[in-house]
Amino acid sequence: MTMKEYDLYVPLYSNRGVPLPPTQLARLKKRLVKRFGGLTYFPQKTEGFWKIGAVTFRDEVVILRVLCEEKRSVQLYWSSLKEELKKSWKQNDVLIVVRAVSTV
């Protein structure tokens, strides 16, 4: 069975540096578990740095990982979720990394 692994890098601060409410992350985790039946949560805060022009941006993120079947509807879900999070969490972008995986 072909599977995909989705790593969602969840920002902990808005683009303006304001901490996002922990309830937002809790709701997102609940939503992903309901949709995909489970997730792996990496609660270690990880720093990211991005340079755009002459400005370097810093962010703290945690990672949510979901393993699911490869389906077009799943790809559409993640694309839609990304756009929703950009707007509602006030982000310029949200990183989602996708990998093809096989399980034993």
Protein backbone atom coordinates (compact mmCIF):
# COMPACT_ATOMS: atom_id res chain seq x y z
CA MET A 1 0.00 0.00 0.00
CA THR A 2 1.36 3.42 -0.92
CA MET A 3 1.36 5.76 2.04
CA LYS A 4 2.21 9.41 2.52
CA GLU A 5 3.63 11.06 5.59
CA TYR A 6 2.62 14.68 6.17
CA ASP A 7 4.65 16.83 8.55
CA LEU A 8 2.82 20.02 9.48
CA TYR A 9 5.13 22.64 10.98
CA VAL A 10 2.79 24.46 13.35
CA PRO A 11 3.82 28.03 14.19
CA LEU A 12 3.60 29.04 17.83
CA TYR A 13 3.58 32.79 17.10
CA SER A 14 1.80 35.06 14.65
CA ASN A 15 3.87 36.91 12.06
CA ARG A 16 3.83 39.87 14.45
CA GLY A 17 5.45 37.82 17.22
CA VAL A 18 2.31 37.36 19.32
CA PRO A 19 2.02 33.88 20.92
CA LEU A 20 -0.84 31.89 19.46
CA PRO A 21 -3.33 30.51 22.00
CA PRO A 22 -2.56 26.88 22.97
CA THR A 23 -6.24 26.10 22.34
CA GLN A 24 -5.63 26.58 18.60
CA LEU A 25 -3.05 23.79 18.57
CA ALA A 26 -5.31 21.56 20.68
CA ARG A 27 -8.20 22.06 18.24
CA LEU A 28 -5.94 21.34 15.26
CA LYS A 29 -4.68 18.10 16.82
CA LYS A 30 -8.23 16.99 17.59
CA ARG A 31 -9.31 17.81 14.04
CA LEU A 32 -6.47 15.81 12.46
CA VAL A 33 -7.11 12.81 14.71
CA LYS A 34 -10.78 12.89 13.75
CA ARG A 35 -9.94 13.12 10.03
CA PHE A 36 -7.05 10.63 9.87
CA GLY A 37 -7.49 8.45 12.96
CA GLY A 38 -4.27 9.56 14.65
CA LEU A 39 -1.14 11.67 14.57
CA THR A 40 2.29 11.95 16.11
CA TYR A 41 2.98 15.15 18.02
CA PHE A 42 6.54 16.40 18.37
CA PRO A 43 6.18 18.94 21.21
CA GLN A 44 9.82 20.04 21.22
CA LYS A 45 9.91 23.68 20.18
CA THR A 46 12.04 23.99 17.09
CA GLU A 47 13.43 27.24 15.74
CA GLY A 48 13.25 28.09 12.07
CA PHE A 49 14.97 30.94 10.25
CA TRP A 50 14.03 32.26 6.83
CA LYS A 51 15.68 35.08 4.93
CA ILE A 52 13.51 37.13 2.62
CA GLY A 53 15.41 39.96 1.02
CA ALA A 54 17.47 41.71 3.68
CA VAL A 55 15.26 40.51 6.55
CA THR A 56 15.71 37.25 8.48
CA PHE A 57 12.57 35.89 10.10
CA ARG A 58 12.63 33.59 13.14
CA ASP A 59 9.82 31.34 14.27
CA GLU A 60 9.19 28.61 16.79
CA VAL A 61 7.27 25.59 15.59
CA VAL A 62 6.12 22.18 16.74
CA ILE A 63 5.50 19.33 14.32
CA LEU A 64 2.39 17.24 13.77
CA ARG A 65 2.91 14.10 11.66
CA VAL A 66 0.12 12.18 9.96
CA LEU A 67 0.50 8.93 8.05
CA CYS A 68 -2.28 8.12 5.59
CA GLU A 69 -3.10 6.51 2.29
CA GLU A 70 -2.16 8.31 -0.88
CA LYS A 71 -5.40 9.72 -2.29
CA ARG A 72 -6.28 12.82 -4.26
CA SER A 73 -8.84 13.80 -1.61
CA VAL A 74 -6.09 13.78 1.04
CA GLN A 75 -3.87 16.08 -1.05
CA LEU A 76 -6.78 18.45 -1.48
CA TYR A 77 -7.47 18.37 2.27
CA TRP A 78 -3.89 19.39 3.13
CA SER A 79 -3.85 22.16 0.53
CA SER A 80 -7.12 23.52 1.90
CA LEU A 81 -5.90 23.24 5.51
CA LYS A 82 -2.73 25.14 4.63
CA GLU A 83 -4.68 28.06 3.17
CA GLU A 84 -7.07 28.06 6.12
CA LEU A 85 -4.22 28.14 8.65
CA LYS A 86 -2.43 30.93 6.79
CA LYS A 87 -5.52 33.09 7.11
CA SER A 88 -6.83 32.17 10.56
CA TRP A 89 -3.38 31.95 12.22
CA LYS A 90 -2.14 35.09 10.44
CA GLN A 91 0.84 33.47 8.72
CA ASN A 92 2.62 34.38 5.49
CA ASP A 93 3.02 30.67 4.86
CA VAL A 94 2.66 27.30 6.60
CA LEU A 95 5.13 24.51 5.86
CA ILE A 96 3.81 21.03 5.14
CA VAL A 97 6.38 18.42 4.09
CA VAL A 98 5.14 15.32 2.25
CA ARG A 99 7.05 12.07 1.87
CA ALA A 100 6.24 8.77 0.24
CA VAL A 101 6.71 6.00 2.82
CA SER A 102 6.23 2.28 3.08
CA THR A 103 5.39 0.41 6.26
CA VAL A 104 6.52 -2.99 7.46
